[in-house]
Amino acid sequence: MENKTLSKKESEAICQIRNSLARRGRTPSVRELMVSLGYRSPRSASVIINQLIDKGFLARKDNGKLKLIKDLDSSSTRARTIKVPLIGEIACGTPIFAEENFEMMIPISVKLAPSPHKYFLLRARGGSMNKKKINDGDLVLVRQQPSAKTGDIVVAIIDDEATIKELQISNGVIILKPKSTNKIHQPIILDRDFLIQGIVVGVVPDFE
């Protein structure tokens, strides 16, 4: 039977990989992991990575990059949380919920993400919504739904890219409005098809 018990270094490596994915949108390089784990040789970090793959915590994507498929957990944590996917970069033409867009699964309290709705996490980029306390690098918790009302902060897909904006509907005109202290960010007036993927229901700043 496969040994699922993690050593102290393996658990520490999982934490470093999870934090790098959440903060920087990528897994750490072998050398970065070597430094963070206090090793002197990159081979030691490579051994840890292979051990975590063998134990089912990591997997390699087709492009060779690592994917965190199981996080540190406990039975008490599972009872109070649900696993919510963190969506990474969206490839042109790829549905937002395609498996290849999932960077990792993050436990979220059921109080923040109550059933029966489905949820996902998205990493905010830029400062277009800082007046709503959504800053660059924050994770936003999104409730999946295809519609929204005026005033909702939505995740919309325009030209295969996700954007987080406040929805305004007036006299049949749809506007996605930034809420920023920087005037460089301008409203998007929609004259073409777009998709609403959900509404923002929470923000996770400085995710550790």
Foldseek 3Di string as FASTA:
>chain_A
DQDLDDDPLLLQQLVQQVLCCLQPVFGDDLVVSCVSSVHPDSVVSVVSVVSCVSNPQWDADPVRGIAGEDHDDDPVLVVFWDWAFEFGFFDQPHDSPPPVRGRYTDTDGCVLVPDDWHKHKYADDDFQAVVVVRHHSKIFIWTFDFDDAQQFFFFKADRRGTDTFGWHADPNWIKGHTDGPDPVDGIDTDPDDMTTGGTTRDIGPPDD
